[in-house]
Amino acid sequence: MFNYKISSKNMENKIQELTDKIYREGVEKGNEEAQRLIGNAQEEAAKIVEEARKEAEAIVAAAHKKAAETAENTQSELKLFAGQAVNALKSEIATLLNDQVVTAAVKGFVADKEYLNKFIVSLATQWSANESIVISTADADNLKKYFAAKAKALLDKGVTIEKVNGMKALFTISPADGSYKVSFGEEEFENYFKEFLRPQLVEMLF
């Protein structure tokens, strides 16, 4: 049996070597773990940055798209509004001119007794073709004289002219049985001619 005697100095050296080895291994493992954690953190950070970049790009793209849509909608609305405004202005101009033209024409027509009586004769000719009629007017005497001179055949055929005081209308025409009555006054003539002339006036102006 062999006995080895280890000196205290050698023991201390051995312990120091073992301690140094453990320390180095611990430091190396710590460094490796630290590098691994740093690498993972860098990868995760890169992913987060990339996702944030993509999200930012998506937000910017959506904002551009929304801005473009808003601009397009605004432009369409402005065009629509402008078109409506122009049409409204055209309508107002046409109405104003139509009213002025028709009002002046009707006043001239009504003031011209010869022309008015001629118009009544023309109506009576058409109307009395199928039935006897009664023409009522405040100026019956003048109208009877005109019919007697220009359209006596209508009086002989059964056209009756009667005087009605206080009439608002220029004259009325009704069948002999009085089943209905049609009034002809300045307002009726104006409404008729306004409706008749307006489309032609709009076409002529615009």
N, C-alpha and C. Protein backbone atom coordinates (compact mmCIF):
# COMPACT_ATOMS: atom_id res chain seq x y z
N MET A 1 0.86 -1.19 0.00
CA MET A 1 0.00 0.00 0.00
C MET A 1 0.89 1.22 0.00
N PHE A 2 0.46 2.18 -0.93
CA PHE A 2 1.29 3.38 -1.05
C PHE A 2 0.61 4.55 -0.38
N ASN A 3 1.33 5.33 0.26
CA ASN A 3 0.82 6.54 0.91
C ASN A 3 1.45 7.76 0.24
N TYR A 4 0.52 8.66 -0.20
CA TYR A 4 1.01 9.90 -0.82
C TYR A 4 0.71 11.04 0.12
N LYS A 5 1.64 11.83 0.27
CA LYS A 5 1.47 12.98 1.15
C LYS A 5 1.40 14.23 0.30
N ILE A 6 0.25 14.86 0.38
CA ILE A 6 0.05 16.07 -0.42
C ILE A 6 0.26 17.27 0.46
N SER A 7 1.12 18.14 -0.01
CA SER A 7 1.43 19.31 0.80
C SER A 7 0.28 20.31 0.72
N SER A 8 0.19 21.15 1.69
CA SER A 8 -0.87 22.16 1.72
C SER A 8 -0.75 23.13 0.56
N LYS A 9 0.48 23.32 0.11
CA LYS A 9 0.69 24.23 -1.02
C LYS A 9 0.09 23.66 -2.28
N ASN A 10 0.32 22.38 -2.48
CA ASN A 10 -0.25 21.73 -3.67
C ASN A 10 -1.77 21.72 -3.61
N MET A 11 -2.30 21.51 -2.43
CA MET A 11 -3.75 21.51 -2.25
C MET A 11 -4.34 22.85 -2.62
N GLU A 12 -3.71 23.89 -2.19
CA GLU A 12 -4.19 25.23 -2.49
C GLU A 12 -4.17 25.48 -4.00
N ASN A 13 -3.11 24.99 -4.64
CA ASN A 13 -3.00 25.17 -6.10
C ASN A 13 -4.13 24.44 -6.81
N LYS A 14 -4.37 23.22 -6.35
CA LYS A 14 -5.43 22.42 -6.97
C LYS A 14 -6.79 23.11 -6.81
N ILE A 15 -7.03 23.59 -5.61
CA ILE A 15 -8.31 24.27 -5.35
C ILE A 15 -8.44 25.53 -6.21
N GLN A 16 -7.31 26.23 -6.34
CA GLN A 16 -7.34 27.46 -7.14
C GLN A 16 -7.61 27.15 -8.61
N GLU A 17 -6.96 26.07 -9.08
CA GLU A 17 -7.17 25.67 -10.48
C GLU A 17 -8.63 25.28 -10.71
N LEU A 18 -9.17 24.52 -9.74
CA LEU A 18 -10.56 24.08 -9.87
C LEU A 18 -11.50 25.28 -9.83
N THR A 19 -11.18 26.20 -8.94
CA THR A 19 -12.01 27.41 -8.82
C THR A 19 -11.96 28.22 -10.10
N ASP A 20 -10.74 28.36 -10.63
CA ASP A 20 -10.58 29.13 -11.87
C ASP A 20 -11.33 28.47 -13.02
N LYS A 21 -11.26 27.13 -13.06
CA LYS A 21 -11.93 26.40 -14.13
C LYS A 21 -13.44 26.59 -14.05
N ILE A 22 -13.94 26.44 -12.81
CA ILE A 22 -15.39 26.62 -12.62
C ILE A 22 -15.81 28.05 -13.01
N TYR A 23 -14.97 29.00 -12.62
CA TYR A 23 -15.27 30.40 -12.91
C TYR A 23 -15.30 30.64 -14.42
N ARG A 24 -14.25 30.09 -15.09
CA ARG A 24 -14.18 30.29 -16.54
C ARG A 24 -15.37 29.65 -17.24
N GLU A 25 -15.68 28.42 -16.81
CA GLU A 25 -16.82 27.74 -17.42
C GLU A 25 -18.12 28.52 -17.18
N GLY A 26 -18.24 29.04 -15.96
CA GLY A 26 -19.44 29.82 -15.63
C GLY A 26 -19.52 31.09 -16.46
N VAL A 27 -18.35 31.74 -16.60
CA VAL A 27 -18.33 32.97 -17.40
C VAL A 27 -18.65 32.67 -18.86
N GLU A 28 -18.06 31.58 -19.37
CA GLU A 28 -18.30 31.22 -20.77
C GLU A 28 -19.78 30.90 -21.01
N LYS A 29 -20.33 30.10 -20.07
CA LYS A 29 -21.76 29.77 -20.20
C LYS A 29 -22.62 31.03 -20.08
N GLY A 30 -22.21 31.89 -19.15
CA GLY A 30 -22.95 33.14 -18.99
C GLY A 30 -22.89 33.99 -20.25
N ASN A 31 -21.67 34.03 -20.83
CA ASN A 31 -21.52 34.80 -22.08
C ASN A 31 -22.35 34.19 -23.21
N GLU A 32 -22.32 32.86 -23.29
CA GLU A 32 -23.10 32.17 -24.33
C GLU A 32 -24.60 32.46 -24.16
N GLU A 33 -25.05 32.36 -22.90
CA GLU A 33 -26.48 32.61 -22.63
C GLU A 33 -26.84 34.06 -22.94
N ALA A 34 -25.89 34.94 -22.55
CA ALA A 34 -26.13 36.36 -22.81
C ALA A 34 -26.21 36.62 -24.32
N GLN A 35 -25.28 35.99 -25.07
CA GLN A 35 -25.29 36.16 -26.53
C GLN A 35 -26.57 35.59 -27.13
N ARG A 36 -27.01 34.45 -26.59
CA ARG A 36 -28.25 33.85 -27.08
C ARG A 36 -29.44 34.77 -26.82
N LEU A 37 -29.49 35.31 -25.61
CA LEU A 37 -30.59 36.21 -25.25
C LEU A 37 -30.54 37.49 -26.09
N ILE A 38 -29.31 37.98 -26.30
CA ILE A 38 -29.17 39.19 -27.13
C ILE A 38 -29.62 38.91 -28.56
N GLY A 39 -29.21 37.72 -29.07
CA GLY A 39 -29.62 37.35 -30.43
C GLY A 39 -31.13 37.24 -30.55
N ASN A 40 -31.75 36.58 -29.55
CA ASN A 40 -33.22 36.46 -29.56
C ASN A 40 -33.89 37.83 -29.49
N ALA A 41 -33.31 38.67 -28.63
CA ALA A 41 -33.88 40.01 -28.47
C ALA A 41 -33.76 40.80 -29.77
N GLN A 42 -32.61 40.65 -30.44
CA GLN A 42 -32.42 41.36 -31.70
C GLN A 42 -33.40 40.87 -32.77
N GLU A 43 -33.59 39.54 -32.82
CA GLU A 43 -34.54 38.97 -33.77
C GLU A 43 -35.96 39.48 -33.48
N GLU A 44 -36.31 39.45 -32.20
CA GLU A 44 -37.65 39.91 -31.80
C GLU A 44 -37.82 41.40 -32.11
N ALA A 45 -36.75 42.16 -31.84
CA ALA A 45 -36.81 43.60 -32.12
C ALA A 45 -36.96 43.84 -33.62
N ALA A 46 -36.24 43.04 -34.42
CA ALA A 46 -36.32 43.19 -35.88
C ALA A 46 -37.74 42.87 -36.36
N LYS A 47 -38.35 41.82 -35.77
CA LYS A 47 -39.72 41.46 -36.14
C LYS A 47 -40.69 42.60 -35.79
N ILE A 48 -40.49 43.14 -34.57
CA ILE A 48 -41.38 44.23 -34.12
C ILE A 48 -41.23 45.44 -35.03
N VAL A 49 -39.98 45.76 -35.38
CA VAL A 49 -39.73 46.91 -36.26
C VAL A 49 -40.36 46.67 -37.63
N GLU A 50 -40.22 45.45 -38.16
CA GLU A 50 -40.78 45.12 -39.47
C GLU A 50 -42.30 45.20 -39.46
N GLU A 51 -42.90 44.63 -38.39
CA GLU A 51 -44.35 44.69 -38.26
C GLU A 51 -44.83 46.14 -38.14
N ALA A 52 -44.08 46.92 -37.35
CA ALA A 52 -44.44 48.32 -37.19
C ALA A 52 -44.32 49.07 -38.52
N ARG A 53 -43.27 48.74 -39.29
CA ARG A 53 -43.09 49.38 -40.59
C ARG A 53 -44.24 49.04 -41.54
N LYS A 54 -44.61 47.74 -41.56
CA LYS A 54 -45.71 47.31 -42.42
C LYS A 54 -47.02 47.97 -41.99
N GLU A 55 -47.24 48.03 -40.68
CA GLU A 55 -48.46 48.65 -40.17
C GLU A 55 -48.49 50.14 -40.52
N ALA A 56 -47.33 50.79 -40.38
CA ALA A 56 -47.25 52.22 -40.72
C ALA A 56 -47.52 52.43 -42.21
N GLU A 57 -46.95 51.55 -43.05
CA GLU A 57 -47.19 51.65 -44.49
C GLU A 57 -48.67 51.44 -44.81
N ALA A 58 -49.29 50.47 -44.11
CA ALA A 58 -50.72 50.21 -44.33
C ALA A 58 -51.56 51.42 -43.92
N ILE A 59 -51.19 52.03 -42.78
CA ILE A 59 -51.92 53.22 -42.31
C ILE A 59 -51.77 54.37 -43.30
N VAL A 60 -50.54 54.57 -43.79
CA VAL A 60 -50.30 55.64 -44.76
C VAL A 60 -51.07 55.38 -46.06
N ALA A 61 -51.04 54.10 -46.52
CA ALA A 61 -51.76 53.75 -47.75
C ALA A 61 -53.26 53.97 -47.58
N ALA A 62 -53.79 53.56 -46.41
CA ALA A 62 -55.22 53.76 -46.13
C ALA A 62 -55.56 55.24 -46.08
N ALA A 63 -54.65 56.02 -45.49
CA ALA A 63 -54.88 57.47 -45.40
C ALA A 63 -54.89 58.10 -46.79
N HIS A 64 -53.94 57.67 -47.65
CA HIS A 64 -53.89 58.17 -49.03
C HIS A 64 -55.17 57.80 -49.78
N LYS A 65 -55.60 56.54 -49.59
CA LYS A 65 -56.81 56.07 -50.27
C LYS A 65 -58.02 56.87 -49.81
N LYS A 66 -58.11 57.07 -48.48
CA LYS A 66 -59.23 57.82 -47.91
C LYS A 66 -59.22 59.26 -48.42
N ALA A 67 -58.02 59.84 -48.47
CA ALA A 67 -57.90 61.22 -48.95
C ALA A 67 -58.32 61.32 -50.42
N ALA A 68 -57.89 60.31 -51.21
CA ALA A 68 -58.26 60.30 -52.63
C ALA A 68 -59.76 60.15 -52.80
N GLU A 69 -60.37 59.24 -52.00
CA GLU A 69 -61.82 59.04 -52.07
C GLU A 69 -62.56 60.31 -51.65
N THR A 70 -62.05 60.94 -50.57
CA THR A 70 -62.68 62.17 -50.10
C THR A 70 -62.59 63.27 -51.16
N ALA A 71 -61.40 63.38 -51.78
CA ALA A 71 -61.22 64.39 -52.82
C ALA A 71 -62.14 64.11 -54.00
N GLU A 72 -62.24 62.82 -54.38
CA GLU A 72 -63.11 62.46 -55.50
C GLU A 72 -64.57 62.74 -55.18
N ASN A 73 -64.99 62.36 -53.96
CA ASN A 73 -66.37 62.61 -53.54
C ASN A 73 -66.66 64.10 -53.48
N THR A 74 -65.69 64.85 -52.94
CA THR A 74 -65.86 66.31 -52.85
C THR A 74 -65.98 66.92 -54.24
N GLN A 75 -65.14 66.44 -55.16
CA GLN A 75 -65.18 66.96 -56.53
C GLN A 75 -66.52 66.63 -57.19
N SER A 76 -66.99 65.39 -56.96
CA SER A 76 -68.28 64.98 -57.53
C SER A 76 -69.41 65.83 -56.96
N GLU A 77 -69.35 66.06 -55.63
CA GLU A 77 -70.39 66.87 -54.98
C GLU A 77 -70.35 68.31 -55.49
N LEU A 78 -69.13 68.83 -55.70
CA LEU A 78 -69.01 70.19 -56.22
C LEU A 78 -69.56 70.29 -57.63
N LYS A 79 -69.27 69.26 -58.45
CA LYS A 79 -69.79 69.25 -59.82
C LYS A 79 -71.31 69.19 -59.80
N LEU A 80 -71.85 68.32 -58.91
CA LEU A 80 -73.30 68.19 -58.80
C LEU A 80 -73.92 69.50 -58.35
N PHE A 81 -73.31 70.12 -57.32
CA PHE A 81 -73.82 71.39 -56.81
C PHE A 81 -73.76 72.47 -57.88
N ALA A 82 -72.62 72.51 -58.59
CA ALA A 82 -72.47 73.52 -59.65
C ALA A 82 -73.52 73.31 -60.74
N GLY A 83 -73.74 72.03 -61.11
CA GLY A 83 -74.75 71.74 -62.12
C GLY A 83 -76.13 72.15 -61.67
N GLN A 84 -76.44 71.85 -60.40
CA GLN A 84 -77.75 72.22 -59.86
C GLN A 84 -77.90 73.74 -59.81
N ALA A 85 -76.82 74.42 -59.42
CA ALA A 85 -76.87 75.88 -59.33
C ALA A 85 -77.09 76.50 -60.71
N VAL A 86 -76.38 75.95 -61.71
CA VAL A 86 -76.53 76.46 -63.09
C VAL A 86 -77.95 76.21 -63.59
N ASN A 87 -78.47 75.00 -63.33
CA ASN A 87 -79.83 74.68 -63.77
C ASN A 87 -80.86 75.57 -63.08
N ALA A 88 -80.63 75.82 -61.77
CA ALA A 88 -81.55 76.68 -61.03
C ALA A 88 -81.52 78.10 -61.60
N LEU A 89 -80.30 78.57 -61.93
CA LEU A 89 -80.17 79.91 -62.50
C LEU A 89 -80.84 79.98 -63.87
N LYS A 90 -80.63 78.94 -64.68
CA LYS A 90 -81.28 78.89 -66.00
C LYS A 90 -82.80 78.93 -65.84
N SER A 91 -83.30 78.14 -64.89
CA SER A 91 -84.74 78.08 -64.66
C SER A 91 -85.27 79.44 -64.22
N GLU A 92 -84.51 80.10 -63.34
CA GLU A 92 -84.94 81.41 -62.84
C GLU A 92 -84.96 82.45 -63.97
N ILE A 93 -83.92 82.40 -64.81
CA ILE A 93 -83.85 83.33 -65.95
C ILE A 93 -85.00 83.07 -66.91
N ALA A 94 -85.23 81.77 -67.20
CA ALA A 94 -86.31 81.41 -68.13
C ALA A 94 -87.66 81.84 -67.58
N THR A 95 -87.87 81.63 -66.28
CA THR A 95 -89.14 82.02 -65.66
C THR A 95 -89.34 83.52 -65.72
N LEU A 96 -88.27 84.26 -65.39
CA LEU A 96 -88.36 85.72 -65.40
C LEU A 96 -88.69 86.25 -66.79
N LEU A 97 -87.94 85.76 -67.79
CA LEU A 97 -88.18 86.22 -69.16
C LEU A 97 -89.55 85.76 -69.66
N ASN A 98 -89.89 84.53 -69.32
CA ASN A 98 -91.18 83.98 -69.74
C ASN A 98 -92.32 84.82 -69.18
N ASP A 99 -92.22 85.14 -67.88
CA ASP A 99 -93.26 85.95 -67.24
C ASP A 99 -93.37 87.32 -67.90
N GLN A 100 -92.20 87.94 -68.14
CA GLN A 100 -92.21 89.28 -68.74
C GLN A 100 -92.79 89.26 -70.15
N VAL A 101 -92.32 88.29 -70.94
CA VAL A 101 -92.78 88.20 -72.33
C VAL A 101 -94.27 87.92 -72.40
N VAL A 102 -94.71 86.91 -71.63
CA VAL A 102 -96.11 86.50 -71.68
C VAL A 102 -97.03 87.59 -71.13
N THR A 103 -96.64 88.19 -70.00
CA THR A 103 -97.48 89.23 -69.40
C THR A 103 -97.67 90.39 -70.37
N ALA A 104 -96.57 90.81 -70.99
CA ALA A 104 -96.67 91.92 -71.95
C ALA A 104 -97.52 91.52 -73.15
N ALA A 105 -97.34 90.29 -73.63
CA ALA A 105 -98.09 89.83 -74.80
C ALA A 105 -99.58 89.73 -74.50
N VAL A 106 -99.92 89.18 -73.32
CA VAL A 106 -101.33 89.02 -72.96
C VAL A 106 -102.00 90.37 -72.78
N LYS A 107 -101.30 91.31 -72.15
CA LYS A 107 -101.88 92.65 -71.97
C LYS A 107 -102.15 93.30 -73.32
N GLY A 108 -101.20 93.11 -74.24
CA GLY A 108 -101.40 93.65 -75.59
C GLY A 108 -102.55 92.96 -76.29
N PHE A 109 -102.65 91.65 -76.11
CA PHE A 109 -103.72 90.86 -76.73
C PHE A 109 -105.09 91.28 -76.20
N VAL A 110 -105.18 91.45 -74.88
CA VAL A 110 -106.45 91.83 -74.26
C VAL A 110 -106.85 93.26 -74.65
N ALA A 111 -105.86 94.13 -74.76
CA ALA A 111 -106.15 95.53 -75.09
C ALA A 111 -106.61 95.68 -76.54
N ASP A 112 -106.21 94.74 -77.39
CA ASP A 112 -106.59 94.80 -78.81
C ASP A 112 -107.96 94.13 -78.98
N LYS A 113 -109.02 94.92 -78.89
CA LYS A 113 -110.38 94.37 -78.95
C LYS A 113 -110.65 93.63 -80.25
N GLU A 114 -110.13 94.15 -81.34
CA GLU A 114 -110.34 93.50 -82.64
C GLU A 114 -109.76 92.09 -82.62
N TYR A 115 -108.54 91.97 -82.12
CA TYR A 115 -107.87 90.67 -82.10
C TYR A 115 -108.56 89.73 -81.10
N LEU A 116 -108.98 90.27 -79.94
CA LEU A 116 -109.66 89.46 -78.94
C LEU A 116 -110.98 88.92 -79.48
N ASN A 117 -111.75 89.79 -80.15
CA ASN A 117 -113.03 89.35 -80.72
C ASN A 117 -112.81 88.29 -81.81
N LYS A 118 -111.76 88.47 -82.58
CA LYS A 118 -111.44 87.49 -83.62
C LYS A 118 -111.11 86.14 -82.98
N PHE A 119 -110.40 86.19 -81.87
CA PHE A 119 -110.06 84.96 -81.14
C PHE A 119 -111.32 84.27 -80.62
N ILE A 120 -112.27 85.06 -80.09
CA ILE A 120 -113.52 84.49 -79.57
C ILE A 120 -114.33 83.85 -80.69
N VAL A 121 -114.36 84.49 -81.84
CA VAL A 121 -115.06 83.92 -83.00
C VAL A 121 -114.44 82.59 -83.39
N SER A 122 -113.11 82.53 -83.39
CA SER A 122 -112.42 81.29 -83.74
C SER A 122 -112.78 80.17 -82.76
N LEU A 123 -112.79 80.51 -81.46
CA LEU A 123 -113.17 79.52 -80.45
C LEU A 123 -114.61 79.06 -80.65
N ALA A 124 -115.50 80.03 -80.87
CA ALA A 124 -116.92 79.71 -81.03
C ALA A 124 -117.15 78.83 -82.25
N THR A 125 -116.39 79.07 -83.31
CA THR A 125 -116.53 78.26 -84.53
C THR A 125 -116.22 76.80 -84.23
N GLN A 126 -115.14 76.57 -83.52
CA GLN A 126 -114.74 75.20 -83.19
C GLN A 126 -115.71 74.57 -82.18
N TRP A 127 -116.08 75.36 -81.18
CA TRP A 127 -116.87 74.83 -80.06
C TRP A 127 -118.31 74.52 -80.47
N SER A 128 -118.87 75.37 -81.30
CA SER A 128 -120.28 75.22 -81.66
C SER A 128 -120.51 74.21 -82.77
N ALA A 129 -119.45 73.57 -83.22
CA ALA A 129 -119.59 72.59 -84.29
C ALA A 129 -120.44 71.40 -83.85
N ASN A 130 -120.40 71.09 -82.54
CA ASN A 130 -121.12 69.92 -82.05
C ASN A 130 -122.25 70.24 -81.07
N GLU A 131 -122.31 71.49 -80.59
CA GLU A 131 -123.36 71.84 -79.63
C GLU A 131 -123.57 73.34 -79.60
N SER A 132 -124.74 73.73 -79.14
CA SER A 132 -125.03 75.16 -78.98
C SER A 132 -124.29 75.67 -77.75
N ILE A 133 -123.75 76.89 -77.85
CA ILE A 133 -122.97 77.42 -76.74
C ILE A 133 -123.45 78.81 -76.35
N VAL A 134 -123.07 79.19 -75.12
CA VAL A 134 -123.38 80.52 -74.61
C VAL A 134 -122.07 81.20 -74.26
N ILE A 135 -121.88 82.41 -74.80
CA ILE A 135 -120.69 83.20 -74.48
C ILE A 135 -121.12 84.31 -73.54
N SER A 136 -120.52 84.35 -72.35
CA SER A 136 -120.87 85.37 -71.37
C SER A 136 -119.72 86.36 -71.24
N THR A 137 -120.04 87.65 -71.25
CA THR A 137 -119.02 88.68 -71.13
C THR A 137 -119.64 89.99 -70.66
N ALA A 138 -118.82 90.82 -70.05
CA ALA A 138 -119.32 92.12 -69.59
C ALA A 138 -119.52 93.06 -70.78
N ASP A 139 -118.76 92.83 -71.87
CA ASP A 139 -118.84 93.69 -73.06
C ASP A 139 -119.65 92.98 -74.15
N ALA A 140 -120.84 92.51 -73.79
CA ALA A 140 -121.65 91.72 -74.70
C ALA A 140 -122.09 92.52 -75.93
N ASP A 141 -122.43 93.78 -75.75
CA ASP A 141 -122.93 94.59 -76.87
C ASP A 141 -121.89 94.69 -77.97
N ASN A 142 -120.67 94.98 -77.60
CA ASN A 142 -119.60 95.11 -78.58
C ASN A 142 -119.34 93.77 -79.28
N LEU A 143 -119.38 92.68 -78.50
CA LEU A 143 -119.12 91.36 -79.08
C LEU A 143 -120.25 90.94 -80.03
N LYS A 144 -121.50 91.27 -79.68
CA LYS A 144 -122.63 90.95 -80.57
C LYS A 144 -122.49 91.67 -81.90
N LYS A 145 -122.08 92.93 -81.84
CA LYS A 145 -121.89 93.69 -83.07
C LYS A 145 -120.81 93.05 -83.93
N TYR A 146 -119.73 92.60 -83.28
CA TYR A 146 -118.64 91.98 -84.03
C TYR A 146 -119.10 90.69 -84.69
N PHE A 147 -119.83 89.86 -83.93
CA PHE A 147 -120.34 88.60 -84.48
C PHE A 147 -121.31 88.88 -85.63
N ALA A 148 -122.17 89.88 -85.45
CA ALA A 148 -123.16 90.20 -86.49
C ALA A 148 -122.47 90.62 -87.78
N ALA A 149 -121.31 91.29 -87.62
CA ALA A 149 -120.59 91.77 -88.81
C ALA A 149 -119.67 90.71 -89.39
N LYS A 150 -119.06 89.89 -88.54
CA LYS A 150 -118.02 88.97 -89.00
C LYS A 150 -118.43 87.49 -88.99
N ALA A 151 -119.40 87.14 -88.14
CA ALA A 151 -119.72 85.71 -88.01
C ALA A 151 -121.21 85.53 -87.71
N LYS A 152 -122.06 86.14 -88.54
CA LYS A 152 -123.50 86.08 -88.30
C LYS A 152 -124.01 84.64 -88.37
N ALA A 153 -123.35 83.82 -89.16
CA ALA A 153 -123.78 82.43 -89.30
C ALA A 153 -123.71 81.69 -87.97
N LEU A 154 -122.77 82.08 -87.13
CA LEU A 154 -122.65 81.43 -85.82
C LEU A 154 -123.83 81.80 -84.93
N LEU A 155 -124.26 83.07 -85.00
CA LEU A 155 -125.42 83.49 -84.23
C LEU A 155 -126.67 82.75 -84.71
N ASP A 156 -126.77 82.61 -86.02
CA ASP A 156 -127.92 81.90 -86.59
C ASP A 156 -127.90 80.42 -86.22
N LYS A 157 -126.69 79.90 -86.02
CA LYS A 157 -126.54 78.48 -85.72
C LYS A 157 -126.86 78.16 -84.27
N GLY A 158 -126.89 79.18 -83.42
CA GLY A 158 -127.25 78.93 -82.03
C GLY A 158 -126.25 79.43 -81.01
N VAL A 159 -125.27 80.22 -81.45
CA VAL A 159 -124.34 80.82 -80.50
C VAL A 159 -125.02 82.00 -79.83
N THR A 160 -125.09 81.97 -78.49
CA THR A 160 -125.76 83.03 -77.73
C THR A 160 -124.71 83.84 -76.98
N ILE A 161 -124.87 85.16 -77.04
CA ILE A 161 -123.96 86.05 -76.31
C ILE A 161 -124.78 86.79 -75.26
N GLU A 162 -124.37 86.65 -74.00
CA GLU A 162 -125.13 87.30 -72.93
C GLU A 162 -124.22 88.19 -72.09
N LYS A 163 -124.81 89.22 -71.54
CA LYS A 163 -124.07 90.20 -70.75
C LYS A 163 -124.08 89.78 -69.28
N VAL A 164 -122.89 89.76 -68.66
CA VAL A 164 -122.77 89.45 -67.23
C VAL A 164 -121.88 90.52 -66.62
N ASN A 165 -122.46 91.35 -65.77
CA ASN A 165 -121.69 92.43 -65.14
C ASN A 165 -120.81 91.90 -64.01
N GLY A 166 -119.72 92.60 -63.79
CA GLY A 166 -118.83 92.25 -62.67
C GLY A 166 -118.03 90.98 -62.87
N MET A 167 -117.89 90.55 -64.11
CA MET A 167 -117.12 89.33 -64.37
C MET A 167 -115.62 89.58 -64.19
N LYS A 168 -114.96 88.66 -63.52
CA LYS A 168 -113.50 88.76 -63.39
C LYS A 168 -112.83 88.32 -64.68
N ALA A 169 -113.40 87.31 -65.33
CA ALA A 169 -112.84 86.81 -66.59
C ALA A 169 -113.26 87.72 -67.74
N LEU A 170 -112.51 87.65 -68.83
CA LEU A 170 -112.86 88.42 -70.02
C LEU A 170 -114.14 87.87 -70.64
N PHE A 171 -114.23 86.55 -70.68
CA PHE A 171 -115.45 85.91 -71.17
C PHE A 171 -115.45 84.45 -70.74
N THR A 172 -116.62 83.83 -70.78
CA THR A 172 -116.74 82.39 -70.50
C THR A 172 -117.52 81.75 -71.63
N ILE A 173 -117.27 80.47 -71.83
CA ILE A 173 -118.01 79.70 -72.82
C ILE A 173 -118.58 78.47 -72.12
N SER A 174 -119.86 78.22 -72.35
CA SER A 174 -120.51 77.05 -71.76
C SER A 174 -121.53 76.50 -72.75
N PRO A 175 -121.84 75.22 -72.66
CA PRO A 175 -122.91 74.69 -73.53
C PRO A 175 -124.25 75.28 -73.11
N ALA A 176 -125.22 75.19 -74.00
CA ALA A 176 -126.54 75.78 -73.73
C ALA A 176 -127.19 75.19 -72.49
N ASP A 177 -126.89 73.92 -72.19
CA ASP A 177 -127.50 73.29 -71.02
C ASP A 177 -126.79 73.67 -69.71
N GLY A 178 -125.70 74.43 -69.81
CA GLY A 178 -125.00 74.90 -68.62
C GLY A 178 -124.29 73.81 -67.83
N SER A 179 -123.99 72.68 -68.46
CA SER A 179 -123.37 71.56 -67.74
C SER A 179 -121.93 71.85 -67.31
N TYR A 180 -121.28 72.77 -67.97
CA TYR A 180 -119.94 73.18 -67.56
C TYR A 180 -119.66 74.57 -68.10
N LYS A 181 -118.59 75.17 -67.64
CA LYS A 181 -118.25 76.53 -68.08
C LYS A 181 -116.73 76.67 -68.07
N VAL A 182 -116.20 77.26 -69.13
CA VAL A 182 -114.76 77.50 -69.23
C VAL A 182 -114.52 79.00 -69.26
N SER A 183 -113.67 79.46 -68.33
CA SER A 183 -113.40 80.89 -68.22
C SER A 183 -112.12 81.26 -68.95
N PHE A 184 -112.15 82.43 -69.57
CA PHE A 184 -110.97 82.96 -70.26
C PHE A 184 -110.71 84.37 -69.73
N GLY A 185 -109.63 84.50 -68.94
CA GLY A 185 -109.24 85.81 -68.42
C GLY A 185 -107.75 86.01 -68.62
N GLU A 186 -107.25 87.14 -68.16
CA GLU A 186 -105.82 87.42 -68.32
C GLU A 186 -104.98 86.34 -67.65
N GLU A 187 -105.40 85.92 -66.44
CA GLU A 187 -104.63 84.91 -65.71
C GLU A 187 -104.60 83.59 -66.47
N GLU A 188 -105.76 83.18 -67.00
CA GLU A 188 -105.82 81.92 -67.75
C GLU A 188 -104.95 81.98 -69.01
N PHE A 189 -105.02 83.12 -69.71
CA PHE A 189 -104.19 83.27 -70.91
C PHE A 189 -102.70 83.25 -70.57
N GLU A 190 -102.35 83.94 -69.48
CA GLU A 190 -100.94 83.97 -69.07
C GLU A 190 -100.44 82.57 -68.72
N ASN A 191 -101.23 81.82 -67.95
CA ASN A 191 -100.82 80.47 -67.56
C ASN A 191 -100.66 79.57 -68.79
N TYR A 192 -101.60 79.71 -69.72
CA TYR A 192 -101.54 78.88 -70.93
C TYR A 192 -100.29 79.20 -71.75
N PHE A 193 -100.07 80.49 -72.00
CA PHE A 193 -98.93 80.88 -72.84
C PHE A 193 -97.59 80.64 -72.14
N LYS A 194 -97.56 80.77 -70.82
CA LYS A 194 -96.32 80.48 -70.09
C LYS A 194 -95.94 79.01 -70.27
N GLU A 195 -96.92 78.14 -70.11
CA GLU A 195 -96.66 76.71 -70.26
C GLU A 195 -96.28 76.37 -71.70
N PHE A 196 -96.90 77.06 -72.64
CA PHE A 196 -96.64 76.80 -74.06
C PHE A 196 -95.27 77.32 -74.49
N LEU A 197 -94.91 78.52 -74.02
CA LEU A 197 -93.69 79.16 -74.49
C LEU A 197 -92.43 78.73 -73.74
N ARG A 198 -92.57 78.29 -72.49
CA ARG A 198 -91.39 78.03 -71.66
C ARG A 198 -90.40 77.05 -72.30
N PRO A 199 -90.83 75.86 -72.78
CA PRO A 199 -89.85 74.93 -73.38
C PRO A 199 -89.11 75.56 -74.56
N GLN A 200 -89.83 76.31 -75.38
CA GLN A 200 -89.20 76.95 -76.54
C GLN A 200 -88.23 78.04 -76.10
N LEU A 201 -88.60 78.76 -75.05
CA LEU A 201 -87.72 79.82 -74.54
C LEU A 201 -86.44 79.24 -73.95
N VAL A 202 -86.57 78.15 -73.19
CA VAL A 202 -85.40 77.49 -72.60
C VAL A 202 -84.47 76.98 -73.69
N GLU A 203 -85.05 76.37 -74.72
CA GLU A 203 -84.24 75.85 -75.83
C GLU A 203 -83.54 76.99 -76.57
N MET A 204 -84.23 78.09 -76.73
CA MET A 204 -83.66 79.23 -77.44
C MET A 204 -82.53 79.88 -76.64
N LEU A 205 -82.70 79.96 -75.31
CA LEU A 205 -81.71 80.63 -74.46
C LEU A 205 -80.50 79.75 -74.19
N PHE A 206 -80.71 78.46 -73.99
CA PHE A 206 -79.63 77.60 -73.50
C PHE A 206 -79.33 76.45 -74.45
